[in-house]
Amino acid sequence: MLRVENLKIGSLPPLSFEVAGAECLAVEGPSGAGKSRLLRAIADLDPVRGHISVDGASQREMPAASWRRLVRYAAAEPVWWTDTVRQGLPGGPAGAARIQRMMAALNLDPRLLDAPLALLSTGERQRFALIRALVDEPRVLLLDEPTAALDPANAALVEEMIRYQLLAGKSVLIASHDRGLLARLAHQRLQLARPVLPARGGRAA
């Protein structure tokens, strides 16, 4: 179970919630409300105040690398630091077998593993980034607009893979503007409101 207590992000009020295994939390709100910042904070990518734990293990008491093996963030615009997908994926026989299964499930040609990343479409890079996030089986998945760059057919494949992760007992948080996706997958919802900025006073005459 993921537990978030009194997490303070920007000018939002403190956030507290729980997401059990096999549950999906939809993080909703207008652009600029803080959805991505919330996911990044839970992944320990941005410093924030508050307490976050997974199955009783506190983020504060764990090295960042160990935490990120438990809690994985998949960005809306994934970044690759390698020339090919294969270079950016973990190795080992078990990982290779999982990669092949997920590629087949997401309709990805195996030849793309060694193609220059610059030649892949945005949707192909996004689906490979999802595989990268899932291959070592984290306990918590933080998915930021996971289907935004996909056509309906490939979006349906990604949705099915997320559903499989839920069946496997993972805790899933999804930030998305796709109301249909959230309606089909979410067990609970967290609505973020865009912070209201104070009005700028007029200049004295």
N, C-alpha and C. Protein backbone atom coordinates (compact mmCIF):
# COMPACT_ATOMS: atom_id res chain seq x y z
N MET A 1 0.83 -1.20 0.00
CA MET A 1 0.00 0.00 0.00
C MET A 1 0.87 1.25 0.00
N LEU A 2 0.49 2.21 -0.86
CA LEU A 2 1.12 3.53 -0.84
C LEU A 2 0.34 4.42 0.11
N ARG A 3 1.06 5.09 1.03
CA ARG A 3 0.42 6.02 1.96
C ARG A 3 1.11 7.37 1.85
N VAL A 4 0.34 8.41 1.64
CA VAL A 4 0.83 9.79 1.55
C VAL A 4 0.18 10.58 2.66
N GLU A 5 1.00 11.27 3.47
CA GLU A 5 0.48 12.00 4.62
C GLU A 5 1.03 13.42 4.63
N ASN A 6 0.10 14.37 4.60
CA ASN A 6 0.44 15.80 4.72
C ASN A 6 1.53 16.23 3.74
N LEU A 7 1.38 15.79 2.50
CA LEU A 7 2.35 16.16 1.47
C LEU A 7 2.05 17.58 1.00
N LYS A 8 3.06 18.44 1.06
CA LYS A 8 2.86 19.86 0.72
C LYS A 8 3.56 20.16 -0.59
N ILE A 9 2.75 20.51 -1.60
CA ILE A 9 3.27 20.82 -2.93
C ILE A 9 2.82 22.22 -3.32
N GLY A 10 3.77 23.14 -3.45
CA GLY A 10 3.45 24.49 -3.86
C GLY A 10 2.41 25.11 -2.94
N SER A 11 1.39 25.72 -3.55
CA SER A 11 0.34 26.39 -2.78
C SER A 11 -0.88 25.51 -2.57
N LEU A 12 -0.78 24.21 -2.95
CA LEU A 12 -1.89 23.30 -2.70
C LEU A 12 -2.01 23.03 -1.20
N PRO A 13 -3.21 22.73 -0.72
CA PRO A 13 -3.34 22.32 0.69
C PRO A 13 -2.65 20.98 0.89
N PRO A 14 -2.26 20.64 2.13
CA PRO A 14 -1.60 19.34 2.38
C PRO A 14 -2.46 18.19 1.89
N LEU A 15 -1.81 17.22 1.25
CA LEU A 15 -2.51 16.08 0.65
C LEU A 15 -2.24 14.82 1.46
N SER A 16 -3.28 14.06 1.76
CA SER A 16 -3.16 12.78 2.44
C SER A 16 -4.10 11.79 1.77
N PHE A 17 -3.58 10.61 1.43
CA PHE A 17 -4.41 9.58 0.82
C PHE A 17 -3.68 8.25 0.85
N GLU A 18 -4.40 7.17 0.57
CA GLU A 18 -3.83 5.83 0.50
C GLU A 18 -4.28 5.16 -0.79
N VAL A 19 -3.39 4.36 -1.37
CA VAL A 19 -3.73 3.56 -2.55
C VAL A 19 -3.27 2.14 -2.27
N ALA A 20 -4.22 1.25 -2.10
CA ALA A 20 -3.90 -0.14 -1.78
C ALA A 20 -3.40 -0.87 -3.02
N GLY A 21 -2.83 -2.05 -2.82
CA GLY A 21 -2.48 -2.90 -3.94
C GLY A 21 -3.73 -3.25 -4.72
N ALA A 22 -3.59 -3.31 -6.06
CA ALA A 22 -4.69 -3.62 -6.97
C ALA A 22 -5.70 -2.48 -7.08
N GLU A 23 -5.32 -1.28 -6.60
CA GLU A 23 -6.19 -0.11 -6.71
C GLU A 23 -5.54 0.95 -7.60
N CYS A 24 -6.41 1.71 -8.28
CA CYS A 24 -5.96 2.81 -9.13
C CYS A 24 -6.56 4.11 -8.63
N LEU A 25 -5.70 5.10 -8.42
CA LEU A 25 -6.12 6.44 -8.04
C LEU A 25 -5.99 7.35 -9.26
N ALA A 26 -7.07 7.99 -9.65
CA ALA A 26 -7.04 8.98 -10.73
C ALA A 26 -6.71 10.34 -10.14
N VAL A 27 -5.66 10.97 -10.65
CA VAL A 27 -5.28 12.32 -10.23
C VAL A 27 -5.77 13.27 -11.31
N GLU A 28 -6.74 14.10 -10.96
CA GLU A 28 -7.40 14.94 -11.95
C GLU A 28 -7.22 16.42 -11.61
N GLY A 29 -7.42 17.25 -12.62
CA GLY A 29 -7.33 18.68 -12.41
C GLY A 29 -6.89 19.36 -13.69
N PRO A 30 -7.08 20.67 -13.79
CA PRO A 30 -6.69 21.41 -14.99
C PRO A 30 -5.17 21.48 -15.12
N SER A 31 -4.71 21.84 -16.29
CA SER A 31 -3.27 22.05 -16.49
C SER A 31 -2.76 23.08 -15.49
N GLY A 32 -1.65 22.79 -14.87
CA GLY A 32 -1.07 23.69 -13.88
C GLY A 32 -1.53 23.44 -12.47
N ALA A 33 -2.41 22.43 -12.27
CA ALA A 33 -2.92 22.17 -10.93
C ALA A 33 -1.90 21.46 -10.04
N GLY A 34 -0.92 20.80 -10.63
CA GLY A 34 0.10 20.11 -9.83
C GLY A 34 0.08 18.61 -9.95
N LYS A 35 -0.57 18.06 -10.97
CA LYS A 35 -0.66 16.60 -11.11
C LYS A 35 0.72 15.97 -11.30
N SER A 36 1.48 16.50 -12.24
CA SER A 36 2.82 15.95 -12.49
C SER A 36 3.73 16.17 -11.30
N ARG A 37 3.61 17.32 -10.64
CA ARG A 37 4.45 17.61 -9.47
C ARG A 37 4.15 16.61 -8.35
N LEU A 38 2.90 16.24 -8.20
CA LEU A 38 2.54 15.25 -7.19
C LEU A 38 3.19 13.90 -7.49
N LEU A 39 3.10 13.45 -8.73
CA LEU A 39 3.69 12.16 -9.08
C LEU A 39 5.21 12.19 -8.91
N ARG A 40 5.84 13.27 -9.34
CA ARG A 40 7.29 13.39 -9.20
C ARG A 40 7.71 13.42 -7.74
N ALA A 41 6.91 14.06 -6.89
CA ALA A 41 7.22 14.10 -5.47
C ALA A 41 7.15 12.71 -4.86
N ILE A 42 6.13 11.94 -5.21
CA ILE A 42 6.01 10.59 -4.68
C ILE A 42 7.17 9.72 -5.14
N ALA A 43 7.66 9.97 -6.35
CA ALA A 43 8.79 9.21 -6.88
C ALA A 43 10.14 9.68 -6.33
N ASP A 44 10.13 10.69 -5.45
CA ASP A 44 11.35 11.25 -4.87
C ASP A 44 12.22 11.91 -5.93
N LEU A 45 11.57 12.54 -6.91
CA LEU A 45 12.30 13.28 -7.93
C LEU A 45 12.34 14.78 -7.62
N ASP A 46 11.41 15.25 -6.80
CA ASP A 46 11.38 16.64 -6.37
C ASP A 46 11.25 16.69 -4.85
N PRO A 47 11.99 17.57 -4.18
CA PRO A 47 11.91 17.66 -2.72
C PRO A 47 10.59 18.29 -2.28
N VAL A 48 9.93 17.68 -1.30
CA VAL A 48 8.69 18.21 -0.74
C VAL A 48 8.64 17.87 0.74
N ARG A 49 7.73 18.54 1.46
CA ARG A 49 7.49 18.23 2.86
C ARG A 49 6.33 17.23 2.94
N GLY A 50 6.41 16.35 3.93
CA GLY A 50 5.37 15.35 4.14
C GLY A 50 5.98 13.97 4.30
N HIS A 51 5.12 12.98 4.42
CA HIS A 51 5.58 11.61 4.65
C HIS A 51 4.96 10.68 3.62
N ILE A 52 5.80 9.83 3.01
CA ILE A 52 5.35 8.87 2.01
C ILE A 52 5.93 7.51 2.38
N SER A 53 5.10 6.47 2.29
CA SER A 53 5.58 5.13 2.60
C SER A 53 4.92 4.11 1.68
N VAL A 54 5.59 2.99 1.50
CA VAL A 54 5.06 1.85 0.74
C VAL A 54 5.17 0.62 1.61
N ASP A 55 4.05 0.00 1.89
CA ASP A 55 4.02 -1.21 2.74
C ASP A 55 4.77 -0.99 4.05
N GLY A 56 4.62 0.22 4.60
CA GLY A 56 5.25 0.54 5.88
C GLY A 56 6.67 1.04 5.79
N ALA A 57 7.30 0.95 4.61
CA ALA A 57 8.68 1.42 4.44
C ALA A 57 8.66 2.89 4.05
N SER A 58 9.33 3.73 4.85
CA SER A 58 9.29 5.17 4.64
C SER A 58 10.29 5.62 3.59
N GLN A 59 9.85 6.55 2.77
CA GLN A 59 10.75 7.14 1.78
C GLN A 59 11.95 7.79 2.44
N ARG A 60 11.75 8.41 3.60
CA ARG A 60 12.84 9.14 4.28
C ARG A 60 13.95 8.21 4.74
N GLU A 61 13.61 6.96 5.01
CA GLU A 61 14.57 6.03 5.60
C GLU A 61 15.18 5.09 4.57
N MET A 62 15.03 5.42 3.30
CA MET A 62 15.48 4.52 2.24
C MET A 62 16.33 5.30 1.24
N PRO A 63 17.44 4.73 0.76
CA PRO A 63 18.20 5.41 -0.30
C PRO A 63 17.32 5.66 -1.51
N ALA A 64 17.58 6.75 -2.21
CA ALA A 64 16.75 7.13 -3.35
C ALA A 64 16.66 6.01 -4.38
N ALA A 65 17.78 5.34 -4.67
CA ALA A 65 17.78 4.28 -5.68
C ALA A 65 16.87 3.13 -5.26
N SER A 66 16.88 2.79 -3.97
CA SER A 66 16.02 1.70 -3.48
C SER A 66 14.55 2.10 -3.57
N TRP A 67 14.26 3.36 -3.22
CA TRP A 67 12.87 3.83 -3.30
C TRP A 67 12.36 3.77 -4.73
N ARG A 68 13.19 4.16 -5.67
CA ARG A 68 12.75 4.21 -7.06
C ARG A 68 12.64 2.83 -7.70
N ARG A 69 13.18 1.82 -7.03
CA ARG A 69 12.89 0.45 -7.49
C ARG A 69 11.50 0.02 -7.04
N LEU A 70 11.02 0.61 -5.95
CA LEU A 70 9.67 0.32 -5.47
C LEU A 70 8.62 1.18 -6.15
N VAL A 71 8.97 2.42 -6.40
CA VAL A 71 8.02 3.43 -6.88
C VAL A 71 8.54 3.99 -8.20
N ARG A 72 7.80 3.79 -9.27
CA ARG A 72 8.31 4.16 -10.59
C ARG A 72 7.42 5.20 -11.27
N TYR A 73 8.06 6.26 -11.76
CA TYR A 73 7.37 7.34 -12.45
C TYR A 73 7.61 7.23 -13.95
N ALA A 74 6.52 7.26 -14.74
CA ALA A 74 6.60 7.29 -16.19
C ALA A 74 6.07 8.63 -16.66
N ALA A 75 6.95 9.47 -17.18
CA ALA A 75 6.60 10.84 -17.52
C ALA A 75 5.74 10.91 -18.77
N ALA A 76 5.01 12.01 -18.90
CA ALA A 76 4.19 12.23 -20.09
C ALA A 76 5.08 12.38 -21.33
N GLU A 77 6.25 12.97 -21.16
CA GLU A 77 7.22 13.11 -22.25
C GLU A 77 8.51 12.43 -21.80
N PRO A 78 8.61 11.12 -21.98
CA PRO A 78 9.75 10.38 -21.45
C PRO A 78 11.07 10.81 -22.09
N VAL A 79 12.10 10.79 -21.26
CA VAL A 79 13.45 11.14 -21.70
C VAL A 79 14.28 9.88 -21.81
N TRP A 80 15.06 9.79 -22.88
CA TRP A 80 16.00 8.67 -23.06
C TRP A 80 17.41 9.26 -23.11
N TRP A 81 18.32 8.61 -22.40
CA TRP A 81 19.71 9.08 -22.37
C TRP A 81 20.61 8.17 -23.20
N THR A 82 20.02 7.33 -24.03
CA THR A 82 20.78 6.38 -24.82
C THR A 82 20.45 6.58 -26.29
N ASP A 83 21.22 5.91 -27.15
CA ASP A 83 20.99 6.02 -28.59
C ASP A 83 19.89 5.08 -29.07
N THR A 84 19.73 3.95 -28.37
CA THR A 84 18.71 2.98 -28.74
C THR A 84 17.91 2.59 -27.50
N VAL A 85 16.75 2.00 -27.73
CA VAL A 85 15.91 1.54 -26.62
C VAL A 85 16.64 0.46 -25.82
N ARG A 86 17.26 -0.50 -26.52
CA ARG A 86 17.90 -1.62 -25.82
C ARG A 86 18.92 -1.12 -24.81
N GLN A 87 19.67 -0.09 -25.16
CA GLN A 87 20.68 0.44 -24.26
C GLN A 87 20.07 1.05 -23.01
N GLY A 88 18.80 1.43 -23.07
CA GLY A 88 18.15 2.06 -21.94
C GLY A 88 17.31 1.13 -21.09
N LEU A 89 17.32 -0.17 -21.41
CA LEU A 89 16.53 -1.14 -20.67
C LEU A 89 17.45 -2.04 -19.85
N PRO A 90 16.98 -2.51 -18.68
CA PRO A 90 17.80 -3.42 -17.88
C PRO A 90 18.02 -4.74 -18.61
N GLY A 91 19.16 -5.36 -18.32
CA GLY A 91 19.50 -6.62 -18.97
C GLY A 91 19.12 -7.82 -18.14
N GLY A 92 19.69 -8.95 -18.49
CA GLY A 92 19.41 -10.19 -17.78
C GLY A 92 18.33 -11.01 -18.47
N PRO A 93 18.41 -12.35 -18.37
CA PRO A 93 17.44 -13.22 -19.06
C PRO A 93 16.00 -12.97 -18.64
N ALA A 94 15.76 -12.79 -17.33
CA ALA A 94 14.39 -12.59 -16.86
C ALA A 94 13.82 -11.29 -17.42
N GLY A 95 14.63 -10.23 -17.36
CA GLY A 95 14.18 -8.95 -17.89
C GLY A 95 13.94 -9.02 -19.38
N ALA A 96 14.82 -9.70 -20.11
CA ALA A 96 14.67 -9.82 -21.56
C ALA A 96 13.37 -10.54 -21.93
N ALA A 97 13.03 -11.56 -21.17
CA ALA A 97 11.79 -12.29 -21.44
C ALA A 97 10.57 -11.41 -21.19
N ARG A 98 10.61 -10.63 -20.10
CA ARG A 98 9.49 -9.72 -19.82
C ARG A 98 9.38 -8.65 -20.89
N ILE A 99 10.52 -8.13 -21.34
CA ILE A 99 10.51 -7.11 -22.39
C ILE A 99 9.86 -7.65 -23.65
N GLN A 100 10.22 -8.87 -24.04
CA GLN A 100 9.64 -9.45 -25.25
C GLN A 100 8.14 -9.62 -25.12
N ARG A 101 7.68 -10.06 -23.94
CA ARG A 101 6.23 -10.23 -23.74
C ARG A 101 5.51 -8.89 -23.80
N MET A 102 6.07 -7.88 -23.17
CA MET A 102 5.41 -6.59 -23.17
C MET A 102 5.44 -5.93 -24.55
N MET A 103 6.52 -6.13 -25.30
CA MET A 103 6.56 -5.60 -26.65
C MET A 103 5.46 -6.21 -27.51
N ALA A 104 5.27 -7.51 -27.38
CA ALA A 104 4.21 -8.17 -28.14
C ALA A 104 2.84 -7.64 -27.72
N ALA A 105 2.66 -7.43 -26.41
CA ALA A 105 1.37 -6.94 -25.91
C ALA A 105 1.10 -5.51 -26.35
N LEU A 106 2.15 -4.73 -26.60
CA LEU A 106 1.98 -3.33 -26.98
C LEU A 106 2.21 -3.09 -28.46
N ASN A 107 2.25 -4.17 -29.24
CA ASN A 107 2.34 -4.06 -30.69
C ASN A 107 3.59 -3.30 -31.13
N LEU A 108 4.73 -3.66 -30.53
CA LEU A 108 6.00 -3.03 -30.86
C LEU A 108 6.90 -4.03 -31.60
N ASP A 109 7.41 -3.63 -32.73
CA ASP A 109 8.29 -4.47 -33.54
C ASP A 109 9.62 -4.67 -32.81
N PRO A 110 10.06 -5.92 -32.60
CA PRO A 110 11.34 -6.16 -31.91
C PRO A 110 12.53 -5.47 -32.55
N ARG A 111 12.46 -5.20 -33.85
CA ARG A 111 13.57 -4.52 -34.52
C ARG A 111 13.78 -3.10 -34.02
N LEU A 112 12.75 -2.52 -33.41
CA LEU A 112 12.87 -1.17 -32.89
C LEU A 112 13.80 -1.07 -31.69
N LEU A 113 14.08 -2.21 -31.05
CA LEU A 113 14.98 -2.19 -29.89
C LEU A 113 16.35 -1.62 -30.25
N ASP A 114 16.81 -1.86 -31.48
CA ASP A 114 18.16 -1.44 -31.87
C ASP A 114 18.13 -0.32 -32.90
N ALA A 115 16.96 0.21 -33.17
CA ALA A 115 16.87 1.35 -34.10
C ALA A 115 17.24 2.63 -33.36
N PRO A 116 17.81 3.62 -34.05
CA PRO A 116 18.07 4.91 -33.39
C PRO A 116 16.78 5.49 -32.83
N LEU A 117 16.84 5.93 -31.58
CA LEU A 117 15.64 6.45 -30.93
C LEU A 117 15.03 7.63 -31.70
N ALA A 118 15.88 8.38 -32.38
CA ALA A 118 15.37 9.54 -33.12
C ALA A 118 14.43 9.13 -34.25
N LEU A 119 14.50 7.87 -34.69
CA LEU A 119 13.66 7.41 -35.79
C LEU A 119 12.32 6.85 -35.30
N LEU A 120 12.18 6.64 -33.99
CA LEU A 120 10.92 6.12 -33.46
C LEU A 120 9.89 7.23 -33.35
N SER A 121 8.63 6.87 -33.51
CA SER A 121 7.56 7.84 -33.34
C SER A 121 7.40 8.19 -31.87
N THR A 122 6.69 9.28 -31.60
CA THR A 122 6.42 9.67 -30.22
C THR A 122 5.67 8.56 -29.49
N GLY A 123 4.69 7.95 -30.15
CA GLY A 123 3.93 6.88 -29.52
C GLY A 123 4.77 5.65 -29.24
N GLU A 124 5.70 5.32 -30.14
CA GLU A 124 6.59 4.18 -29.91
C GLU A 124 7.50 4.44 -28.72
N ARG A 125 8.05 5.65 -28.63
CA ARG A 125 8.91 5.97 -27.49
C ARG A 125 8.11 5.94 -26.19
N GLN A 126 6.86 6.37 -26.23
CA GLN A 126 6.05 6.36 -25.01
C GLN A 126 5.75 4.93 -24.57
N ARG A 127 5.45 4.05 -25.51
CA ARG A 127 5.18 2.66 -25.14
C ARG A 127 6.43 1.97 -24.63
N PHE A 128 7.58 2.25 -25.23
CA PHE A 128 8.82 1.68 -24.71
C PHE A 128 9.13 2.24 -23.32
N ALA A 129 8.80 3.49 -23.08
CA ALA A 129 9.03 4.06 -21.74
C ALA A 129 8.15 3.35 -20.71
N LEU A 130 6.96 2.95 -21.09
CA LEU A 130 6.12 2.19 -20.17
C LEU A 130 6.76 0.84 -19.86
N ILE A 131 7.30 0.18 -20.88
CA ILE A 131 8.01 -1.08 -20.66
C ILE A 131 9.19 -0.85 -19.72
N ARG A 132 9.93 0.21 -19.95
CA ARG A 132 11.09 0.54 -19.08
C ARG A 132 10.64 0.70 -17.63
N ALA A 133 9.47 1.29 -17.43
CA ALA A 133 8.96 1.51 -16.07
C ALA A 133 8.51 0.21 -15.42
N LEU A 134 8.06 -0.75 -16.21
CA LEU A 134 7.46 -1.95 -15.66
C LEU A 134 8.39 -3.15 -15.56
N VAL A 135 9.49 -3.14 -16.30
CA VAL A 135 10.24 -4.38 -16.51
C VAL A 135 10.79 -4.97 -15.22
N ASP A 136 11.19 -4.13 -14.25
CA ASP A 136 11.71 -4.70 -13.01
C ASP A 136 10.65 -4.74 -11.90
N GLU A 137 9.39 -4.64 -12.29
CA GLU A 137 8.24 -4.92 -11.44
C GLU A 137 8.21 -4.10 -10.14
N PRO A 138 8.09 -2.77 -10.25
CA PRO A 138 7.93 -1.94 -9.05
C PRO A 138 6.59 -2.20 -8.38
N ARG A 139 6.47 -1.79 -7.13
CA ARG A 139 5.21 -1.98 -6.39
C ARG A 139 4.19 -0.90 -6.70
N VAL A 140 4.68 0.31 -7.01
CA VAL A 140 3.80 1.45 -7.25
C VAL A 140 4.15 2.06 -8.61
N LEU A 141 3.12 2.32 -9.42
CA LEU A 141 3.30 2.92 -10.74
C LEU A 141 2.66 4.31 -10.75
N LEU A 142 3.43 5.28 -11.21
CA LEU A 142 2.97 6.66 -11.30
C LEU A 142 2.99 7.04 -12.78
N LEU A 143 1.82 7.08 -13.39
CA LEU A 143 1.72 7.21 -14.84
C LEU A 143 1.15 8.59 -15.20
N ASP A 144 1.95 9.37 -15.91
CA ASP A 144 1.57 10.73 -16.29
C ASP A 144 1.16 10.74 -17.76
N GLU A 145 -0.14 10.91 -18.01
CA GLU A 145 -0.70 10.92 -19.37
C GLU A 145 -0.20 9.72 -20.18
N PRO A 146 -0.47 8.50 -19.74
CA PRO A 146 0.14 7.32 -20.38
C PRO A 146 -0.36 7.03 -21.79
N THR A 147 -1.48 7.64 -22.22
CA THR A 147 -2.00 7.37 -23.56
C THR A 147 -2.09 8.63 -24.42
N ALA A 148 -1.51 9.73 -23.96
CA ALA A 148 -1.71 11.02 -24.64
C ALA A 148 -1.20 11.02 -26.07
N ALA A 149 -0.11 10.30 -26.36
CA ALA A 149 0.50 10.35 -27.69
C ALA A 149 0.06 9.18 -28.58
N LEU A 150 -0.96 8.43 -28.16
CA LEU A 150 -1.29 7.18 -28.84
C LEU A 150 -2.61 7.26 -29.60
N ASP A 151 -2.68 6.52 -30.71
CA ASP A 151 -3.95 6.37 -31.41
C ASP A 151 -4.85 5.45 -30.60
N PRO A 152 -6.13 5.40 -30.90
CA PRO A 152 -7.06 4.61 -30.08
C PRO A 152 -6.68 3.14 -29.93
N ALA A 153 -6.17 2.52 -30.99
CA ALA A 153 -5.84 1.09 -30.91
C ALA A 153 -4.69 0.86 -29.94
N ASN A 154 -3.63 1.66 -30.03
CA ASN A 154 -2.49 1.47 -29.13
C ASN A 154 -2.82 1.96 -27.72
N ALA A 155 -3.67 2.97 -27.60
CA ALA A 155 -4.10 3.39 -26.27
C ALA A 155 -4.85 2.26 -25.57
N ALA A 156 -5.63 1.50 -26.31
CA ALA A 156 -6.35 0.37 -25.72
C ALA A 156 -5.38 -0.70 -25.24
N LEU A 157 -4.27 -0.90 -25.96
CA LEU A 157 -3.27 -1.88 -25.52
C LEU A 157 -2.60 -1.43 -24.23
N VAL A 158 -2.28 -0.15 -24.14
CA VAL A 158 -1.68 0.38 -22.91
C VAL A 158 -2.65 0.25 -21.75
N GLU A 159 -3.90 0.57 -22.00
CA GLU A 159 -4.91 0.44 -20.94
C GLU A 159 -5.00 -1.00 -20.44
N GLU A 160 -4.94 -1.95 -21.36
CA GLU A 160 -5.00 -3.35 -20.95
C GLU A 160 -3.77 -3.73 -20.12
N MET A 161 -2.62 -3.19 -20.47
CA MET A 161 -1.42 -3.49 -19.68
C MET A 161 -1.53 -2.90 -18.28
N ILE A 162 -2.08 -1.69 -18.17
CA ILE A 162 -2.28 -1.10 -16.84
C ILE A 162 -3.24 -1.96 -16.04
N ARG A 163 -4.30 -2.44 -16.69
CA ARG A 163 -5.26 -3.30 -15.99
C ARG A 163 -4.58 -4.58 -15.50
N TYR A 164 -3.66 -5.12 -16.29
CA TYR A 164 -2.93 -6.31 -15.88
C TYR A 164 -2.07 -6.01 -14.65
N GLN A 165 -1.47 -4.83 -14.59
CA GLN A 165 -0.67 -4.45 -13.42
C GLN A 165 -1.54 -4.40 -12.17
N LEU A 166 -2.76 -3.92 -12.31
CA LEU A 166 -3.68 -3.90 -11.18
C LEU A 166 -4.03 -5.31 -10.74
N LEU A 167 -4.27 -6.18 -11.69
CA LEU A 167 -4.57 -7.57 -11.35
C LEU A 167 -3.40 -8.24 -10.64
N ALA A 168 -2.18 -7.76 -10.94
CA ALA A 168 -0.98 -8.30 -10.30
C ALA A 168 -0.74 -7.70 -8.92
N GLY A 169 -1.64 -6.81 -8.47
CA GLY A 169 -1.53 -6.26 -7.12
C GLY A 169 -0.78 -4.96 -6.98
N LYS A 170 -0.46 -4.32 -8.11
CA LYS A 170 0.28 -3.04 -8.02
C LYS A 170 -0.67 -1.91 -7.61
N SER A 171 -0.10 -0.91 -6.95
CA SER A 171 -0.81 0.35 -6.70
C SER A 171 -0.49 1.28 -7.86
N VAL A 172 -1.53 1.86 -8.48
CA VAL A 172 -1.35 2.66 -9.69
C VAL A 172 -1.97 4.04 -9.49
N LEU A 173 -1.20 5.08 -9.83
CA LEU A 173 -1.72 6.44 -9.87
C LEU A 173 -1.62 6.92 -11.31
N ILE A 174 -2.71 7.47 -11.83
CA ILE A 174 -2.73 7.95 -13.20
C ILE A 174 -3.17 9.41 -13.21
N ALA A 175 -2.33 10.27 -13.78
CA ALA A 175 -2.71 11.65 -14.07
C ALA A 175 -3.04 11.72 -15.55
N SER A 176 -4.27 12.10 -15.88
CA SER A 176 -4.67 12.09 -17.28
C SER A 176 -5.87 13.00 -17.48
N HIS A 177 -5.96 13.54 -18.71
CA HIS A 177 -7.15 14.28 -19.11
C HIS A 177 -8.13 13.37 -19.85
N ASP A 178 -7.79 12.10 -20.01
CA ASP A 178 -8.66 11.14 -20.69
C ASP A 178 -9.69 10.62 -19.69
N ARG A 179 -10.86 11.22 -19.69
CA ARG A 179 -11.87 10.85 -18.71
C ARG A 179 -12.36 9.42 -18.90
N GLY A 180 -12.38 8.94 -20.13
CA GLY A 180 -12.80 7.57 -20.37
C GLY A 180 -11.84 6.57 -19.75
N LEU A 181 -10.55 6.80 -19.93
CA LEU A 181 -9.53 5.94 -19.33
C LEU A 181 -9.68 5.89 -17.82
N LEU A 182 -9.84 7.06 -17.20
CA LEU A 182 -9.96 7.12 -15.75
C LEU A 182 -11.26 6.46 -15.28
N ALA A 183 -12.33 6.65 -16.02
CA ALA A 183 -13.60 6.05 -15.62
C ALA A 183 -13.52 4.52 -15.64
N ARG A 184 -12.76 3.99 -16.58
CA ARG A 184 -12.66 2.53 -16.69
C ARG A 184 -11.70 1.91 -15.68
N LEU A 185 -10.67 2.66 -15.26
CA LEU A 185 -9.62 2.06 -14.42
C LEU A 185 -9.65 2.49 -12.96
N ALA A 186 -10.12 3.71 -12.68
CA ALA A 186 -9.93 4.28 -11.34
C ALA A 186 -10.90 3.69 -10.32
N HIS A 187 -10.37 3.39 -9.13
CA HIS A 187 -11.18 2.99 -7.99
C HIS A 187 -11.49 4.19 -7.09
N GLN A 188 -10.62 5.21 -7.15
CA GLN A 188 -10.83 6.43 -6.38
C GLN A 188 -10.21 7.60 -7.14
N ARG A 189 -10.60 8.80 -6.73
CA ARG A 189 -10.16 9.99 -7.47
C ARG A 189 -9.63 11.04 -6.51
N LEU A 190 -8.63 11.77 -6.98
CA LEU A 190 -8.08 12.91 -6.25
C LEU A 190 -8.16 14.11 -7.17
N GLN A 191 -8.96 15.09 -6.81
CA GLN A 191 -9.17 16.27 -7.64
C GLN A 191 -8.30 17.41 -7.13
N LEU A 192 -7.43 17.91 -8.00
CA LEU A 192 -6.59 19.05 -7.66
C LEU A 192 -7.13 20.28 -8.36
N ALA A 193 -7.21 21.38 -7.64
CA ALA A 193 -7.66 22.65 -8.21
C ALA A 193 -6.45 23.53 -8.48
N ARG A 194 -6.48 24.24 -9.58
CA ARG A 194 -5.38 25.16 -9.87
C ARG A 194 -5.33 26.23 -8.79
N PRO A 195 -4.17 26.47 -8.18
CA PRO A 195 -4.06 27.50 -7.15
C PRO A 195 -4.48 28.87 -7.68
N VAL A 196 -5.19 29.61 -6.85
CA VAL A 196 -5.62 30.96 -7.22
C VAL A 196 -4.52 31.95 -6.85
N LEU A 197 -4.00 32.65 -7.83
CA LEU A 197 -2.93 33.62 -7.58
C LEU A 197 -3.55 34.92 -7.05
N PRO A 198 -2.89 35.57 -6.10
CA PRO A 198 -3.44 36.85 -5.61
C PRO A 198 -3.46 37.90 -6.71
N ALA A 199 -4.49 38.70 -6.70
CA ALA A 199 -4.61 39.75 -7.70
C ALA A 199 -3.47 40.76 -7.55
N ARG A 200 -2.96 41.20 -8.68
CA ARG A 200 -1.87 42.17 -8.65
C ARG A 200 -2.47 43.57 -8.43
N GLY A 201 -1.99 44.24 -7.42
CA GLY A 201 -2.54 45.56 -7.11
C GLY A 201 -2.17 46.60 -8.15
N GLY A 202 -3.03 47.59 -8.33
CA GLY A 202 -2.77 48.65 -9.30
C GLY A 202 -1.70 49.60 -8.79
N ARG A 203 -1.03 50.23 -9.70
CA ARG A 203 0.04 51.16 -9.32
C ARG A 203 -0.57 52.50 -8.90
N ALA A 204 -0.05 53.01 -7.82
CA ALA A 204 -0.59 54.31 -7.33
C ALA A 204 -0.33 55.40 -8.34
N ALA A 205 -1.26 56.33 -8.43
CA ALA A 205 -1.13 57.43 -9.38
C ALA A 205 -0.13 58.45 -8.86
